[in-house]
């Protein structure tokens, strides 16, 4: 079983699923994640690009105030629960679970 996480906008869902199925994998599930806070992340990336700081560094570690971090953790937990029940149509992270198809 393979679990793929894409933290960029490319490849998109269709492209990633095609690559996995072409490689002989059967898709178990696919959905976006980190959708509730995606507007904040997108604004952060735009801000960085406008003011010359790369929004796509090798690592992106930002210290947040404790209360804000707790809110974001809560929202991610809520998304994880939703992800078990439905497919999320947009977000910053694309996650695909696939298994090698039987020969």
PDB file of N, CA and C in Angstrom:
ATOM      1  N   UNK A   1       0.844  -1.171   0.000  1.00  0.00           N
ATOM      2  CA  UNK A   1       0.000   0.000   0.000  1.00  0.00           C
ATOM      3  C   UNK A   1       0.888   1.233   0.000  1.00  0.00           C
ATOM      4  N   UNK A   2       0.492   2.218  -0.755  1.00  0.00           N
ATOM      5  CA  UNK A   2       1.249   3.457  -0.882  1.00  0.00           C
ATOM      6  C   UNK A   2       0.366   4.611  -0.440  1.00  0.00           C
ATOM      7  N   UNK A   3       0.896   5.516   0.335  1.00  0.00           N
ATOM      8  CA  UNK A   3       0.196   6.740   0.700  1.00  0.00           C
ATOM      9  C   UNK A   3       1.021   7.894   0.162  1.00  0.00           C
ATOM     10  N   UNK A   4       0.410   8.707  -0.699  1.00  0.00           N
ATOM     11  CA  UNK A   4       1.109   9.838  -1.305  1.00  0.00           C
ATOM     12  C   UNK A   4       0.552  11.136  -0.766  1.00  0.00           C
ATOM     13  N   UNK A   5       1.423  12.023  -0.376  1.00  0.00           N
ATOM     14  CA  UNK A   5       1.019  13.356   0.035  1.00  0.00           C
ATOM     15  C   UNK A   5       1.725  14.349  -0.864  1.00  0.00           C
ATOM     16  N   UNK A   6       0.974  15.229  -1.484  1.00  0.00           N
ATOM     17  CA  UNK A   6       1.567  16.270  -2.307  1.00  0.00           C
ATOM     18  C   UNK A   6       1.346  17.598  -1.608  1.00  0.00           C
ATOM     19  N   UNK A   7       2.411  18.296  -1.278  1.00  0.00           N
ATOM     20  CA  UNK A   7       2.298  19.550  -0.553  1.00  0.00           C
ATOM     21  C   UNK A   7       2.350  20.761  -1.471  1.00  0.00           C
ATOM     22  N   UNK A   8       2.303  20.538  -2.753  1.00  0.00           N
ATOM     23  CA  UNK A   8       2.287  21.647  -3.695  1.00  0.00           C
ATOM     24  C   UNK A   8       1.036  21.529  -4.542  1.00  0.00           C
ATOM     25  N   UNK A   9       0.822  22.504  -5.387  1.00  0.00           N
ATOM     26  CA  UNK A   9      -0.353  22.467  -6.243  1.00  0.00           C
ATOM     27  C   UNK A   9      -0.169  21.522  -7.427  1.00  0.00           C
ATOM     28  N   UNK A  10       1.052  21.047  -7.669  1.00  0.00           N
ATOM     29  CA  UNK A  10       1.292  20.095  -8.748  1.00  0.00           C
ATOM     30  C   UNK A  10       1.962  18.868  -8.174  1.00  0.00           C
ATOM     31  N   UNK A  11       1.663  17.674  -8.510  1.00  0.00           N
ATOM     32  CA  UNK A  11       0.650  17.328  -9.483  1.00  0.00           C
ATOM     33  C   UNK A  11      -0.747  17.464  -8.901  1.00  0.00           C
ATOM     34  N   UNK A  12      -1.703  17.685  -9.762  1.00  0.00           N
ATOM     35  CA  UNK A  12      -3.071  17.776  -9.286  1.00  0.00           C
ATOM     36  C   UNK A  12      -3.644  16.375  -9.113  1.00  0.00           C
ATOM     37  N   UNK A  13      -4.855  16.302  -8.604  1.00  0.00           N
ATOM     38  CA  UNK A  13      -5.482  15.020  -8.302  1.00  0.00           C
ATOM     39  C   UNK A  13      -5.513  14.102  -9.525  1.00  0.00           C
ATOM     40  N   UNK A  14      -5.976  14.619 -10.651  1.00  0.00           N
ATOM     41  CA  UNK A  14      -6.119  13.792 -11.861  1.00  0.00           C
ATOM     42  C   UNK A  14      -4.759  13.271 -12.319  1.00  0.00           C
ATOM     43  N   UNK A  15      -3.761  14.145 -12.317  1.00  0.00           N
ATOM     44  CA  UNK A  15      -2.425  13.764 -12.775  1.00  0.00           C
ATOM     45  C   UNK A  15      -1.811  12.696 -11.861  1.00  0.00           C
ATOM     46  N   UNK A  16      -1.932  12.883 -10.549  1.00  0.00           N
ATOM     47  CA  UNK A  16      -1.364  11.919  -9.612  1.00  0.00           C
ATOM     48  C   UNK A  16      -2.071  10.564  -9.720  1.00  0.00           C
ATOM     49  N   UNK A  17      -3.389  10.569  -9.818  1.00  0.00           N
ATOM     50  CA  UNK A  17      -4.134   9.308  -9.938  1.00  0.00           C
ATOM     51  C   UNK A  17      -3.760   8.599 -11.234  1.00  0.00           C
ATOM     52  N   UNK A  18      -3.622   9.349 -12.333  1.00  0.00           N
ATOM     53  CA  UNK A  18      -3.231   8.728 -13.610  1.00  0.00           C
ATOM     54  C   UNK A  18      -1.848   8.092 -13.498  1.00  0.00           C
ATOM     55  N   UNK A  19      -0.897   8.798 -12.880  1.00  0.00           N
ATOM     56  CA  UNK A  19       0.449   8.253 -12.738  1.00  0.00           C
ATOM     57  C   UNK A  19       0.440   6.973 -11.897  1.00  0.00           C
ATOM     58  N   UNK A  20      -0.345   6.954 -10.836  1.00  0.00           N
ATOM     59  CA  UNK A  20      -0.402   5.761  -9.985  1.00  0.00           C
ATOM     60  C   UNK A  20      -1.082   4.595 -10.704  1.00  0.00           C
ATOM     61  N   UNK A  21      -2.188   4.856 -11.396  1.00  0.00           N
ATOM     62  CA  UNK A  21      -2.869   3.767 -12.101  1.00  0.00           C
ATOM     63  C   UNK A  21      -2.023   3.261 -13.272  1.00  0.00           C
ATOM     64  N   UNK A  22      -1.324   4.155 -13.970  1.00  0.00           N
ATOM     65  CA  UNK A  22      -0.423   3.738 -15.046  1.00  0.00           C
ATOM     66  C   UNK A  22       0.711   2.870 -14.511  1.00  0.00           C
ATOM     67  N   UNK A  23       1.093   3.090 -13.249  1.00  0.00           N
ATOM     68  CA  UNK A  23       2.166   2.308 -12.630  1.00  0.00           C
ATOM     69  C   UNK A  23       1.641   1.012 -12.012  1.00  0.00           C
ATOM     70  N   UNK A  24       0.345   0.736 -12.192  1.00  0.00           N
ATOM     71  CA  UNK A  24      -0.210  -0.532 -11.721  1.00  0.00           C
ATOM     72  C   UNK A  24      -0.819  -0.499 -10.329  1.00  0.00           C
ATOM     73  N   UNK A  25      -1.127   0.678  -9.825  1.00  0.00           N
ATOM     74  CA  UNK A  25      -1.745   0.792  -8.510  1.00  0.00           C
ATOM     75  C   UNK A  25      -3.252   0.963  -8.641  1.00  0.00           C
ATOM     76  N   UNK A  26      -3.983   0.444  -7.671  1.00  0.00           N
ATOM     77  CA  UNK A  26      -5.419   0.658  -7.577  1.00  0.00           C
ATOM     78  C   UNK A  26      -5.642   1.725  -6.508  1.00  0.00           C
ATOM     79  N   UNK A  27      -6.435   2.721  -6.834  1.00  0.00           N
ATOM     80  CA  UNK A  27      -6.686   3.818  -5.909  1.00  0.00           C
ATOM     81  C   UNK A  27      -7.689   3.366  -4.845  1.00  0.00           C
ATOM     82  N   UNK A  28      -7.314   3.485  -3.588  1.00  0.00           N
ATOM     83  CA  UNK A  28      -8.202   3.143  -2.467  1.00  0.00           C
ATOM     84  C   UNK A  28      -9.018   4.368  -2.079  1.00  0.00           C
ATOM     85  N   UNK A  29      -8.366   5.505  -1.936  1.00  0.00           N
ATOM     86  CA  UNK A  29      -9.071   6.750  -1.644  1.00  0.00           C
ATOM     87  C   UNK A  29      -8.200   7.927  -2.069  1.00  0.00           C
ATOM     88  N   UNK A  30      -8.862   9.051  -2.310  1.00  0.00           N
ATOM     89  CA  UNK A  30      -8.125  10.262  -2.642  1.00  0.00           C
ATOM     90  C   UNK A  30      -8.943  11.464  -2.201  1.00  0.00           C
ATOM     91  N   UNK A  31      -8.267  12.426  -1.634  1.00  0.00           N
ATOM     92  CA  UNK A  31      -8.931  13.618  -1.160  1.00  0.00           C
ATOM     93  C   UNK A  31      -7.891  14.691  -0.880  1.00  0.00           C
ATOM     94  N   UNK A  32      -8.342  15.910  -0.839  1.00  0.00           N
ATOM     95  CA  UNK A  32      -7.479  16.987  -0.389  1.00  0.00           C
ATOM     96  C   UNK A  32      -7.563  17.067   1.125  1.00  0.00           C
ATOM     97  N   UNK A  33      -6.600  17.741   1.725  1.00  0.00           N
ATOM     98  CA  UNK A  33      -6.547  17.912   3.166  1.00  0.00           C
ATOM     99  C   UNK A  33      -6.005  19.308   3.442  1.00  0.00           C
ATOM    100  N   UNK A  34      -6.100  19.769   4.625  1.00  0.00           N
ATOM    101  CA  UNK A  34      -5.720  21.122   5.013  1.00  0.00           C
ATOM    102  C   UNK A  34      -6.525  22.114   4.165  1.00  0.00           C
ATOM    103  N   UNK A  35      -7.831  21.944   4.206  1.00  0.00           N
ATOM    104  CA  UNK A  35      -8.704  22.805   3.413  1.00  0.00           C
ATOM    105  C   UNK A  35      -9.272  23.960   4.227  1.00  0.00           C
ATOM    106  N   UNK A  36      -9.566  23.743   5.498  1.00  0.00           N
ATOM    107  CA  UNK A  36     -10.177  24.803   6.297  1.00  0.00           C
ATOM    108  C   UNK A  36      -9.240  25.993   6.497  1.00  0.00           C
ATOM    109  N   UNK A  37      -7.943  25.726   6.566  1.00  0.00           N
ATOM    110  CA  UNK A  37      -6.996  26.834   6.730  1.00  0.00           C
ATOM    111  C   UNK A  37      -6.240  27.150   5.434  1.00  0.00           C
ATOM    112  N   UNK A  38      -6.678  26.551   4.320  1.00  0.00           N
ATOM    113  CA  UNK A  38      -5.979  26.793   3.054  1.00  0.00           C
ATOM    114  C   UNK A  38      -5.986  28.261   2.637  1.00  0.00           C
ATOM    115  N   UNK A  39      -7.057  29.036   2.868  1.00  0.00           N
ATOM    116  CA  UNK A  39      -6.978  30.454   2.494  1.00  0.00           C
ATOM    117  C   UNK A  39      -5.838  31.191   3.218  1.00  0.00           C
ATOM    118  N   UNK A  40      -5.608  30.841   4.479  1.00  0.00           N
ATOM    119  CA  UNK A  40      -4.534  31.477   5.248  1.00  0.00           C
ATOM    120  C   UNK A  40      -3.178  31.103   4.657  1.00  0.00           C
ATOM    121  N   UNK A  41      -3.012  29.825   4.301  1.00  0.00           N
ATOM    122  CA  UNK A  41      -1.747  29.365   3.732  1.00  0.00           C
ATOM    123  C   UNK A  41      -1.502  30.013   2.366  1.00  0.00           C
ATOM    124  N   UNK A  42      -2.538  30.102   1.557  1.00  0.00           N
ATOM    125  CA  UNK A  42      -2.405  30.723   0.235  1.00  0.00           C
ATOM    126  C   UNK A  42      -2.032  32.195   0.380  1.00  0.00           C
ATOM    127  N   UNK A  43      -2.678  32.903   1.304  1.00  0.00           N
ATOM    128  CA  UNK A  43      -2.332  34.310   1.546  1.00  0.00           C
ATOM    129  C   UNK A  43      -0.892  34.448   2.031  1.00  0.00           C
ATOM    130  N   UNK A  44      -0.458  33.535   2.886  1.00  0.00           N
ATOM    131  CA  UNK A  44       0.924  33.543   3.377  1.00  0.00           C
ATOM    132  C   UNK A  44       1.908  33.373   2.219  1.00  0.00           C
ATOM    133  N   UNK A  45       1.595  32.461   1.295  1.00  0.00           N
ATOM    134  CA  UNK A  45       2.464  32.237   0.136  1.00  0.00           C
ATOM    135  C   UNK A  45       2.492  33.453  -0.780  1.00  0.00           C
ATOM    136  N   UNK A  46       1.327  34.059  -1.005  1.00  0.00           N
ATOM    137  CA  UNK A  46       1.259  35.262  -1.843  1.00  0.00           C
ATOM    138  C   UNK A  46       2.057  36.384  -1.195  1.00  0.00           C
ATOM    139  N   UNK A  47       1.880  36.584   0.102  1.00  0.00           N
ATOM    140  CA  UNK A  47       2.605  37.619   0.845  1.00  0.00           C
ATOM    141  C   UNK A  47       4.118  37.432   0.668  1.00  0.00           C
ATOM    142  N   UNK A  48       4.575  36.197   0.822  1.00  0.00           N
ATOM    143  CA  UNK A  48       5.997  35.917   0.667  1.00  0.00           C
ATOM    144  C   UNK A  48       6.497  36.195  -0.735  1.00  0.00           C
ATOM    145  N   UNK A  49       5.697  35.868  -1.735  1.00  0.00           N
ATOM    146  CA  UNK A  49       6.107  36.110  -3.121  1.00  0.00           C
ATOM    147  C   UNK A  49       6.133  37.603  -3.447  1.00  0.00           C
ATOM    148  N   UNK A  50       5.162  38.345  -2.935  1.00  0.00           N
ATOM    149  CA  UNK A  50       5.088  39.781  -3.217  1.00  0.00           C
ATOM    150  C   UNK A  50       6.258  40.520  -2.576  1.00  0.00           C
ATOM    151  N   UNK A  51       6.631  40.129  -1.373  1.00  0.00           N
ATOM    152  CA  UNK A  51       7.677  40.845  -0.656  1.00  0.00           C
ATOM    153  C   UNK A  51       9.042  40.182  -0.749  1.00  0.00           C
ATOM    154  N   UNK A  52       9.199  39.309  -1.747  1.00  0.00           N
ATOM    155  CA  UNK A  52      10.515  38.779  -2.071  1.00  0.00           C
ATOM    156  C   UNK A  52      10.974  37.578  -1.278  1.00  0.00           C
ATOM    157  N   UNK A  53      10.249  37.178  -0.262  1.00  0.00           N
ATOM    158  CA  UNK A  53      10.645  35.992   0.493  1.00  0.00           C
ATOM    159  C   UNK A  53       9.953  34.796  -0.143  1.00  0.00           C
ATOM    160  N   UNK A  54      10.715  33.775  -0.472  1.00  0.00           N
ATOM    161  CA  UNK A  54      10.148  32.604  -1.132  1.00  0.00           C
ATOM    162  C   UNK A  54       9.083  31.960  -0.263  1.00  0.00           C
ATOM    163  N   UNK A  55       7.940  31.674  -0.859  1.00  0.00           N
ATOM    164  CA  UNK A  55       6.871  30.983  -0.143  1.00  0.00           C
ATOM    165  C   UNK A  55       7.088  29.478  -0.167  1.00  0.00           C
ATOM    166  N   UNK A  56       8.094  29.024  -0.910  1.00  0.00           N
ATOM    167  CA  UNK A  56       8.354  27.591  -1.022  1.00  0.00           C
ATOM    168  C   UNK A  56       9.787  27.270  -0.618  1.00  0.00           C
ATOM    169  N   UNK A  57      10.167  27.593   0.620  1.00  0.00           N
ATOM    170  CA  UNK A  57      11.521  27.246   1.052  1.00  0.00           C
ATOM    171  C   UNK A  57      11.646  25.744   1.238  1.00  0.00           C
ATOM    172  N   UNK A  58      12.883  25.286   1.477  1.00  0.00           N
ATOM    173  CA  UNK A  58      13.077  23.853   1.689  1.00  0.00           C
ATOM    174  C   UNK A  58      12.251  23.370   2.868  1.00  0.00           C
ATOM    175  N   UNK A  59      12.167  24.187   3.888  1.00  0.00           N
ATOM    176  CA  UNK A  59      11.278  23.894   5.014  1.00  0.00           C
ATOM    177  C   UNK A  59      10.513  25.166   5.338  1.00  0.00           C
ATOM    178  N   UNK A  60       9.321  24.998   5.826  1.00  0.00           N
ATOM    179  CA  UNK A  60       8.513  26.149   6.200  1.00  0.00           C
ATOM    180  C   UNK A  60       8.036  25.928   7.623  1.00  0.00           C
ATOM    181  N   UNK A  61       8.760  26.489   8.545  1.00  0.00           N
ATOM    182  CA  UNK A  61       8.436  26.318   9.954  1.00  0.00           C
ATOM    183  C   UNK A  61       8.166  27.694  10.529  1.00  0.00           C
ATOM    184  N   UNK A  62       6.951  27.925  10.938  1.00  0.00           N
ATOM    185  CA  UNK A  62       6.554  29.219  11.453  1.00  0.00           C
ATOM    186  C   UNK A  62       6.032  29.025  12.871  1.00  0.00           C
ATOM    187  N   UNK A  63       6.624  29.726  13.813  1.00  0.00           N
ATOM    188  CA  UNK A  63       6.143  29.672  15.193  1.00  0.00           C
ATOM    189  C   UNK A  63       4.883  30.525  15.308  1.00  0.00           C
ATOM    190  N   UNK A  64       3.851  29.920  15.858  1.00  0.00           N
ATOM    191  CA  UNK A  64       2.585  30.620  16.038  1.00  0.00           C
ATOM    192  C   UNK A  64       2.304  30.790  17.519  1.00  0.00           C
ATOM    193  N   UNK A  65       1.501  31.785  17.871  1.00  0.00           N
ATOM    194  CA  UNK A  65       1.066  31.883  19.262  1.00  0.00           C
ATOM    195  C   UNK A  65       0.305  30.610  19.657  1.00  0.00           C
ATOM    196  N   UNK A  66       0.426  30.222  20.910  1.00  0.00           N
ATOM    197  CA  UNK A  66      -0.167  28.960  21.374  1.00  0.00           C
ATOM    198  C   UNK A  66      -1.648  28.830  21.035  1.00  0.00           C
ATOM    199  N   UNK A  67      -2.426  29.861  21.282  1.00  0.00           N
ATOM    200  CA  UNK A  67      -3.880  29.788  21.034  1.00  0.00           C
ATOM    201  C   UNK A  67      -4.188  29.604  19.555  1.00  0.00           C
ATOM    202  N   UNK A  68      -3.452  30.278  18.698  1.00  0.00           N
ATOM    203  CA  UNK A  68      -3.658  30.134  17.256  1.00  0.00           C
ATOM    204  C   UNK A  68      -3.257  28.734  16.799  1.00  0.00           C
ATOM    205  N   UNK A  69      -2.158  28.232  17.318  1.00  0.00           N
ATOM    206  CA  UNK A  69      -1.720  26.883  16.994  1.00  0.00           C
ATOM    207  C   UNK A  69      -2.766  25.857  17.446  1.00  0.00           C
ATOM    208  N   UNK A  70      -3.318  26.037  18.643  1.00  0.00           N
ATOM    209  CA  UNK A  70      -4.360  25.133  19.149  1.00  0.00           C
ATOM    210  C   UNK A  70      -5.580  25.154  18.240  1.00  0.00           C
ATOM    211  N   UNK A  71      -5.956  26.345  17.749  1.00  0.00           N
ATOM    212  CA  UNK A  71      -7.089  26.458  16.828  1.00  0.00           C
ATOM    213  C   UNK A  71      -6.809  25.689  15.544  1.00  0.00           C
ATOM    214  N   UNK A  72      -5.616  25.857  14.980  1.00  0.00           N
ATOM    215  CA  UNK A  72      -5.273  25.153  13.750  1.00  0.00           C
ATOM    216  C   UNK A  72      -5.244  23.643  13.956  1.00  0.00           C
ATOM    217  N   UNK A  73      -4.727  23.192  15.079  1.00  0.00           N
ATOM    218  CA  UNK A  73      -4.710  21.751  15.386  1.00  0.00           C
ATOM    219  C   UNK A  73      -6.134  21.233  15.492  1.00  0.00           C
ATOM    220  N   UNK A  74      -7.000  21.983  16.150  1.00  0.00           N
ATOM    221  CA  UNK A  74      -8.411  21.585  16.262  1.00  0.00           C
ATOM    222  C   UNK A  74      -9.049  21.463  14.876  1.00  0.00           C
ATOM    223  N   UNK A  75      -8.795  22.454  14.012  1.00  0.00           N
ATOM    224  CA  UNK A  75      -9.368  22.414  12.663  1.00  0.00           C
ATOM    225  C   UNK A  75      -8.848  21.223  11.860  1.00  0.00           C
ATOM    226  N   UNK A  76      -7.572  20.886  12.022  1.00  0.00           N
ATOM    227  CA  UNK A  76      -7.021  19.713  11.327  1.00  0.00           C
ATOM    228  C   UNK A  76      -7.633  18.417  11.857  1.00  0.00           C
ATOM    229  N   UNK A  77      -7.887  18.342  13.157  1.00  0.00           N
ATOM    230  CA  UNK A  77      -8.553  17.165  13.716  1.00  0.00           C
ATOM    231  C   UNK A  77      -9.972  17.049  13.175  1.00  0.00           C
ATOM    232  N   UNK A  78     -10.654  18.176  13.074  1.00  0.00           N
ATOM    233  CA  UNK A  78     -11.999  18.186  12.502  1.00  0.00           C
ATOM    234  C   UNK A  78     -11.965  17.709  11.052  1.00  0.00           C
ATOM    235  N   UNK A  79     -10.998  18.182  10.290  1.00  0.00           N
ATOM    236  CA  UNK A  79     -10.850  17.729   8.901  1.00  0.00           C
ATOM    237  C   UNK A  79     -10.575  16.234   8.814  1.00  0.00           C
ATOM    238  N   UNK A  80      -9.765  15.724   9.738  1.00  0.00           N
ATOM    239  CA  UNK A  80      -9.458  14.286   9.733  1.00  0.00           C
ATOM    240  C   UNK A  80     -10.728  13.478   9.933  1.00  0.00           C
ATOM    241  N   UNK A  81     -11.615  13.943  10.790  1.00  0.00           N
ATOM    242  CA  UNK A  81     -12.896  13.257  11.009  1.00  0.00           C
ATOM    243  C   UNK A  81     -13.749  13.341   9.746  1.00  0.00           C
ATOM    244  N   UNK A  82     -13.799  14.527   9.141  1.00  0.00           N
ATOM    245  CA  UNK A  82     -14.566  14.692   7.905  1.00  0.00           C
ATOM    246  C   UNK A  82     -14.015  13.816   6.787  1.00  0.00           C
ATOM    247  N   UNK A  83     -12.699  13.689   6.729  1.00  0.00           N
ATOM    248  CA  UNK A  83     -12.046  12.910   5.684  1.00  0.00           C
ATOM    249  C   UNK A  83     -12.440  11.436   5.740  1.00  0.00           C
ATOM    250  N   UNK A  84     -12.759  10.937   6.935  1.00  0.00           N
ATOM    251  CA  UNK A  84     -13.205   9.552   7.069  1.00  0.00           C
ATOM    252  C   UNK A  84     -14.595   9.344   6.488  1.00  0.00           C
ATOM    253  N   UNK A  85     -15.364  10.412   6.383  1.00  0.00           N
ATOM    254  CA  UNK A  85     -16.755  10.314   5.945  1.00  0.00           C
ATOM    255  C   UNK A  85     -17.001  10.828   4.523  1.00  0.00           C
ATOM    256  N   UNK A  86     -16.104  11.686   4.040  1.00  0.00           N
ATOM    257  CA  UNK A  86     -16.333  12.298   2.730  1.00  0.00           C
ATOM    258  C   UNK A  86     -15.012  12.685   2.075  1.00  0.00           C
ATOM    259  N   UNK A  87     -15.084  12.964   0.791  1.00  0.00           N
ATOM    260  CA  UNK A  87     -13.922  13.457   0.049  1.00  0.00           C
ATOM    261  C   UNK A  87     -13.963  14.976   0.064  1.00  0.00           C
ATOM    262  N   UNK A  88     -12.855  15.593   0.429  1.00  0.00           N
ATOM    263  CA  UNK A  88     -12.781  17.054   0.477  1.00  0.00           C
ATOM    264  C   UNK A  88     -12.328  17.552  -0.895  1.00  0.00           C
ATOM    265  N   UNK A  89     -13.079  18.484  -1.511  1.00  0.00           N
ATOM    266  CA  UNK A  89     -12.812  18.870  -2.905  1.00  0.00           C
ATOM    267  C   UNK A  89     -11.659  19.849  -3.128  1.00  0.00           C
ATOM    268  N   UNK A  90     -11.108  20.453  -2.086  1.00  0.00           N
ATOM    269  CA  UNK A  90     -10.019  21.409  -2.263  1.00  0.00           C
ATOM    270  C   UNK A  90      -9.161  21.420  -1.004  1.00  0.00           C
ATOM    271  N   UNK A  91      -7.964  21.926  -1.145  1.00  0.00           N
ATOM    272  CA  UNK A  91      -7.073  22.029  -0.004  1.00  0.00           C
ATOM    273  C   UNK A  91      -5.644  22.217  -0.453  1.00  0.00           C
ATOM    274  N   UNK A  92      -4.752  22.314   0.501  1.00  0.00           N
ATOM    275  CA  UNK A  92      -3.340  22.536   0.211  1.00  0.00           C
ATOM    276  C   UNK A  92      -2.609  21.213   0.000  1.00  0.00           C
ATOM    277  N   UNK A  93      -3.049  20.179   0.669  1.00  0.00           N
ATOM    278  CA  UNK A  93      -2.394  18.875   0.594  1.00  0.00           C
ATOM    279  C   UNK A  93      -3.312  17.872  -0.095  1.00  0.00           C
ATOM    280  N   UNK A  94      -2.764  17.178  -1.067  1.00  0.00           N
ATOM    281  CA  UNK A  94      -3.489  16.109  -1.745  1.00  0.00           C
ATOM    282  C   UNK A  94      -3.003  14.796  -1.173  1.00  0.00           C
ATOM    283  N   UNK A  95      -3.918  13.968  -0.706  1.00  0.00           N
ATOM    284  CA  UNK A  95      -3.484  12.672  -0.194  1.00  0.00           C
ATOM    285  C   UNK A  95      -4.215  11.573  -0.943  1.00  0.00           C
ATOM    286  N   UNK A  96      -3.443  10.609  -1.403  1.00  0.00           N
ATOM    287  CA  UNK A  96      -3.968   9.482  -2.168  1.00  0.00           C
ATOM    288  C   UNK A  96      -3.445   8.202  -1.534  1.00  0.00           C
ATOM    289  N   UNK A  97      -4.362   7.280  -1.280  1.00  0.00           N
ATOM    290  CA  UNK A  97      -3.983   5.963  -0.780  1.00  0.00           C
ATOM    291  C   UNK A  97      -4.204   4.987  -1.920  1.00  0.00           C
ATOM    292  N   UNK A  98      -3.158   4.217  -2.256  1.00  0.00           N
ATOM    293  CA  UNK A  98      -3.245   3.280  -3.382  1.00  0.00           C
ATOM    294  C   UNK A  98      -2.565   1.971  -2.974  1.00  0.00           C
ATOM    295  N   UNK A  99      -3.017   0.888  -3.599  1.00  0.00           N
ATOM    296  CA  UNK A  99      -2.355  -0.397  -3.355  1.00  0.00           C
ATOM    297  C   UNK A  99      -2.016  -1.027  -4.695  1.00  0.00           C
ATOM    298  N   UNK A 100      -0.981  -1.848  -4.674  1.00  0.00           N
ATOM    299  CA  UNK A 100      -0.547  -2.491  -5.901  1.00  0.00           C
ATOM    300  C   UNK A 100      -1.652  -3.423  -6.355  1.00  0.00           C
ATOM    301  N   UNK A 101      -2.081  -3.256  -7.589  1.00  0.00           N
ATOM    302  CA  UNK A 101      -3.146  -4.097  -8.145  1.00  0.00           C
ATOM    303  C   UNK A 101      -2.648  -5.537  -8.262  1.00  0.00           C
ATOM    304  N   UNK A 102      -3.567  -6.476  -8.026  1.00  0.00           N
ATOM    305  CA  UNK A 102      -3.223  -7.902  -8.136  1.00  0.00           C
ATOM    306  C   UNK A 102      -2.874  -8.230  -9.576  1.00  0.00           C
ATOM    307  N   UNK A 103      -1.859  -9.024  -9.746  1.00  0.00           N
ATOM    308  CA  UNK A 103      -1.389  -9.371 -11.104  1.00  0.00           C
ATOM    309  C   UNK A 103      -2.251 -10.422 -11.741  1.00  0.00           C
TER     310      UNK A 103
END
